[in-house]
Structures are given as structure tokens and as C-alpha cells.
Amino acid sequence: MTAPRITPRIAPRVTPDMTLLDVVHAHPATEAVFRSRDAEAGVCLLCTALFDSIETMAGRHHLDLSTLLDDLEQAIQAQQHI
């Protein structure tokens, strides 16, 4: 009998405590994710919250943090496969 295969979880590259600047600097593809939320937030996020943590910014602008983090991770993954 073989043991079930366990797929290791990959640690997230983006965490809620990171600033927008940290994320965009390390992963340029994430800029588009932040810009896609500008209309919903009613401001340019990279202009007004560049030095805020993702969690603080999401709370201030009533953005879904979990979805935002998932979208940022997907952008990073897509960038690495180009």
C-alpha cells in the first residue's frame, strides 16, 4: 500500500503586512492588479497608499483582502511563466 501523495503548499509571496511599494517593486506584474482596483476604491491606490500595508489599504477602501491577495499571487505566477 502506498502512502497518499502530499502536495507541498507554497508559501505566499505576498502577505497582508507588506506595503504596496514592496510588492510592486519585487513583482512589477502586480501593478496591474492594484490599478484594476482604482475605480472600486475611488482613488489611485498606488498614488495614495503606496507606503501602506495591503491590509490597511484594503480595509480603508473596503476591498476584499482575500481576493486581492489571491489576484496578486496569480499575477506573480503568470509573470514567472512568461
N, C-alpha and C. Protein backbone atom coordinates (compact mmCIF):
# COMPACT_ATOMS: atom_id res chain seq x y z
N MET A 1 0.84 -1.17 0.00
CA MET A 1 0.00 0.00 0.00
C MET A 1 0.89 1.24 0.00
N THR A 2 0.60 2.16 -0.90
CA THR A 2 1.41 3.38 -0.98
C THR A 2 0.73 4.51 -0.22
N ALA A 3 1.56 5.34 0.32
CA ALA A 3 1.04 6.49 1.08
C ALA A 3 0.48 7.52 0.09
N PRO A 4 -0.55 8.25 0.51
CA PRO A 4 -1.10 9.28 -0.38
C PRO A 4 -0.05 10.36 -0.64
N ARG A 5 -0.08 10.84 -1.84
CA ARG A 5 0.87 11.88 -2.22
C ARG A 5 0.42 13.21 -1.62
N ILE A 6 1.35 13.87 -0.97
CA ILE A 6 1.06 15.15 -0.36
C ILE A 6 1.73 16.23 -1.19
N THR A 7 0.93 17.18 -1.62
CA THR A 7 1.46 18.29 -2.38
C THR A 7 1.86 19.39 -1.41
N PRO A 8 3.12 19.79 -1.44
CA PRO A 8 3.55 20.85 -0.51
C PRO A 8 2.88 22.18 -0.86
N ARG A 9 2.52 22.92 0.15
CA ARG A 9 1.95 24.24 -0.05
C ARG A 9 3.09 25.23 -0.27
N ILE A 10 2.89 26.08 -1.21
CA ILE A 10 3.87 27.11 -1.48
C ILE A 10 3.52 28.32 -0.63
N ALA A 11 4.52 28.82 0.08
CA ALA A 11 4.30 29.98 0.92
C ALA A 11 3.92 31.17 0.04
N PRO A 12 2.98 31.97 0.48
CA PRO A 12 2.61 33.13 -0.33
C PRO A 12 3.77 34.10 -0.46
N ARG A 13 3.86 34.70 -1.63
CA ARG A 13 4.91 35.68 -1.86
C ARG A 13 4.46 37.07 -1.42
N VAL A 14 3.16 37.22 -1.24
CA VAL A 14 2.58 38.48 -0.80
C VAL A 14 1.81 38.24 0.48
N THR A 15 2.09 39.04 1.49
CA THR A 15 1.39 38.92 2.77
C THR A 15 0.71 40.24 3.10
N PRO A 16 -0.33 40.21 3.91
CA PRO A 16 -1.10 41.42 4.20
C PRO A 16 -0.29 42.55 4.82
N ASP A 17 0.81 42.22 5.48
CA ASP A 17 1.60 43.26 6.14
C ASP A 17 2.60 43.96 5.21
N MET A 18 2.74 43.49 3.98
CA MET A 18 3.66 44.12 3.02
C MET A 18 3.06 45.42 2.50
N THR A 19 3.91 46.39 2.21
CA THR A 19 3.42 47.63 1.63
C THR A 19 3.20 47.43 0.13
N LEU A 20 2.38 48.29 -0.43
CA LEU A 20 2.15 48.22 -1.87
C LEU A 20 3.47 48.42 -2.61
N LEU A 21 4.30 49.34 -2.12
CA LEU A 21 5.61 49.58 -2.73
C LEU A 21 6.47 48.33 -2.73
N ASP A 22 6.52 47.62 -1.60
CA ASP A 22 7.31 46.39 -1.52
C ASP A 22 6.86 45.37 -2.57
N VAL A 23 5.56 45.24 -2.72
CA VAL A 23 5.01 44.24 -3.63
C VAL A 23 5.30 44.60 -5.08
N VAL A 24 5.00 45.85 -5.46
CA VAL A 24 5.20 46.27 -6.84
C VAL A 24 6.69 46.29 -7.21
N HIS A 25 7.52 46.67 -6.26
CA HIS A 25 8.97 46.69 -6.53
C HIS A 25 9.48 45.26 -6.78
N ALA A 26 9.06 44.32 -5.96
CA ALA A 26 9.53 42.94 -6.10
C ALA A 26 8.86 42.20 -7.27
N HIS A 27 7.61 42.59 -7.57
CA HIS A 27 6.83 41.88 -8.59
C HIS A 27 6.07 42.90 -9.45
N PRO A 28 6.72 43.45 -10.48
CA PRO A 28 6.10 44.50 -11.29
C PRO A 28 4.73 44.15 -11.88
N ALA A 29 4.47 42.88 -12.13
CA ALA A 29 3.18 42.49 -12.71
C ALA A 29 2.01 42.80 -11.78
N THR A 30 2.28 43.00 -10.51
CA THR A 30 1.20 43.28 -9.56
C THR A 30 0.65 44.69 -9.70
N GLU A 31 1.38 45.56 -10.37
CA GLU A 31 0.89 46.93 -10.57
C GLU A 31 -0.49 46.92 -11.23
N ALA A 32 -0.67 46.06 -12.20
CA ALA A 32 -1.96 45.98 -12.91
C ALA A 32 -3.09 45.56 -11.97
N VAL A 33 -2.78 44.71 -11.00
CA VAL A 33 -3.80 44.28 -10.04
C VAL A 33 -4.25 45.45 -9.19
N PHE A 34 -3.30 46.22 -8.69
CA PHE A 34 -3.67 47.40 -7.90
C PHE A 34 -4.44 48.40 -8.74
N ARG A 35 -3.98 48.64 -9.96
CA ARG A 35 -4.66 49.61 -10.84
C ARG A 35 -6.08 49.15 -11.16
N SER A 36 -6.29 47.85 -11.23
CA SER A 36 -7.64 47.35 -11.54
C SER A 36 -8.62 47.60 -10.40
N ARG A 37 -8.10 47.95 -9.23
CA ARG A 37 -8.97 48.25 -8.07
C ARG A 37 -9.18 49.75 -7.87
N ASP A 38 -8.54 50.60 -8.68
CA ASP A 38 -8.64 52.05 -8.50
C ASP A 38 -10.08 52.55 -8.56
N ALA A 39 -10.84 52.12 -9.55
CA ALA A 39 -12.22 52.61 -9.69
C ALA A 39 -13.07 52.21 -8.48
N GLU A 40 -12.91 50.97 -8.04
CA GLU A 40 -13.66 50.50 -6.88
C GLU A 40 -13.28 51.28 -5.62
N ALA A 41 -12.00 51.61 -5.48
CA ALA A 41 -11.53 52.35 -4.31
C ALA A 41 -11.84 53.84 -4.43
N GLY A 42 -12.01 54.32 -5.65
CA GLY A 42 -12.29 55.73 -5.86
C GLY A 42 -11.05 56.61 -5.85
N VAL A 43 -9.88 55.99 -5.83
CA VAL A 43 -8.61 56.71 -5.84
C VAL A 43 -7.57 55.86 -6.57
N CYS A 44 -6.48 56.48 -6.94
CA CYS A 44 -5.33 55.73 -7.45
C CYS A 44 -4.63 55.14 -6.23
N LEU A 45 -4.70 53.84 -6.08
CA LEU A 45 -4.13 53.19 -4.90
C LEU A 45 -2.62 53.38 -4.81
N LEU A 46 -1.95 53.31 -5.94
CA LEU A 46 -0.50 53.45 -5.92
C LEU A 46 -0.08 54.90 -5.68
N CYS A 47 -0.99 55.84 -5.89
CA CYS A 47 -0.70 57.25 -5.60
C CYS A 47 -0.96 57.59 -4.14
N THR A 48 -1.99 56.99 -3.56
CA THR A 48 -2.42 57.39 -2.22
C THR A 48 -2.05 56.42 -1.11
N ALA A 49 -1.70 55.18 -1.46
CA ALA A 49 -1.46 54.18 -0.42
C ALA A 49 -0.16 53.41 -0.64
N LEU A 50 0.77 53.97 -1.37
CA LEU A 50 2.00 53.28 -1.73
C LEU A 50 2.77 52.77 -0.52
N PHE A 51 2.73 53.51 0.58
CA PHE A 51 3.51 53.13 1.76
C PHE A 51 2.67 52.43 2.83
N ASP A 52 1.41 52.17 2.52
CA ASP A 52 0.52 51.45 3.45
C ASP A 52 0.65 49.95 3.25
N SER A 53 0.32 49.20 4.28
CA SER A 53 0.27 47.74 4.11
C SER A 53 -0.95 47.41 3.25
N ILE A 54 -0.91 46.27 2.62
CA ILE A 54 -2.03 45.84 1.81
C ILE A 54 -3.28 45.73 2.68
N GLU A 55 -3.12 45.20 3.87
CA GLU A 55 -4.25 45.04 4.78
C GLU A 55 -4.88 46.38 5.16
N THR A 56 -4.05 47.35 5.49
CA THR A 56 -4.55 48.68 5.85
C THR A 56 -5.27 49.32 4.67
N MET A 57 -4.65 49.27 3.51
CA MET A 57 -5.24 49.85 2.31
C MET A 57 -6.56 49.19 1.97
N ALA A 58 -6.61 47.87 2.02
CA ALA A 58 -7.85 47.15 1.69
C ALA A 58 -8.97 47.52 2.66
N GLY A 59 -8.65 47.61 3.93
CA GLY A 59 -9.66 47.99 4.92
C GLY A 59 -10.15 49.40 4.70
N ARG A 60 -9.25 50.32 4.44
CA ARG A 60 -9.60 51.72 4.24
C ARG A 60 -10.53 51.91 3.04
N HIS A 61 -10.30 51.12 1.99
CA HIS A 61 -11.05 51.29 0.75
C HIS A 61 -12.10 50.20 0.53
N HIS A 62 -12.35 49.42 1.58
CA HIS A 62 -13.41 48.39 1.55
C HIS A 62 -13.22 47.39 0.40
N LEU A 63 -11.98 46.97 0.22
CA LEU A 63 -11.66 45.95 -0.78
C LEU A 63 -11.54 44.60 -0.09
N ASP A 64 -11.92 43.55 -0.78
CA ASP A 64 -11.83 42.21 -0.22
C ASP A 64 -10.36 41.78 -0.19
N LEU A 65 -9.80 41.67 1.02
CA LEU A 65 -8.38 41.37 1.18
C LEU A 65 -8.01 40.01 0.61
N SER A 66 -8.81 39.00 0.88
CA SER A 66 -8.50 37.65 0.42
C SER A 66 -8.45 37.57 -1.11
N THR A 67 -9.42 38.17 -1.76
CA THR A 67 -9.45 38.17 -3.22
C THR A 67 -8.27 38.95 -3.78
N LEU A 68 -7.97 40.08 -3.17
CA LEU A 68 -6.83 40.89 -3.62
C LEU A 68 -5.53 40.10 -3.51
N LEU A 69 -5.31 39.44 -2.38
CA LEU A 69 -4.09 38.65 -2.21
C LEU A 69 -4.01 37.52 -3.22
N ASP A 70 -5.14 36.86 -3.49
CA ASP A 70 -5.16 35.80 -4.50
C ASP A 70 -4.81 36.35 -5.88
N ASP A 71 -5.38 37.49 -6.22
CA ASP A 71 -5.11 38.09 -7.53
C ASP A 71 -3.64 38.51 -7.66
N LEU A 72 -3.07 39.02 -6.58
CA LEU A 72 -1.65 39.39 -6.60
C LEU A 72 -0.78 38.15 -6.81
N GLU A 73 -1.09 37.07 -6.11
CA GLU A 73 -0.33 35.82 -6.28
C GLU A 73 -0.45 35.30 -7.71
N GLN A 74 -1.64 35.38 -8.29
CA GLN A 74 -1.84 34.92 -9.67
C GLN A 74 -1.03 35.76 -10.65
N ALA A 75 -0.97 37.07 -10.42
CA ALA A 75 -0.19 37.94 -11.29
C ALA A 75 1.30 37.58 -11.22
N ILE A 76 1.77 37.29 -10.02
CA ILE A 76 3.18 36.91 -9.85
C ILE A 76 3.45 35.60 -10.56
N GLN A 77 2.56 34.66 -10.38
CA GLN A 77 2.73 33.34 -11.01
C GLN A 77 2.73 33.47 -12.54
N ALA A 78 1.83 34.28 -13.06
CA ALA A 78 1.77 34.47 -14.51
C ALA A 78 3.03 35.15 -15.02
N GLN A 79 3.56 36.09 -14.27
CA GLN A 79 4.79 36.80 -14.65
C GLN A 79 5.96 35.82 -14.72
N GLN A 80 6.00 34.87 -13.83
CA GLN A 80 7.11 33.91 -13.79
C GLN A 80 7.04 32.89 -14.90
N HIS A 81 5.87 32.73 -15.53
CA HIS A 81 5.72 31.75 -16.60
C HIS A 81 5.82 32.37 -17.99
N ILE A 82 6.19 33.63 -18.05
CA ILE A 82 6.31 34.30 -19.35
C ILE A 82 7.64 33.95 -19.97
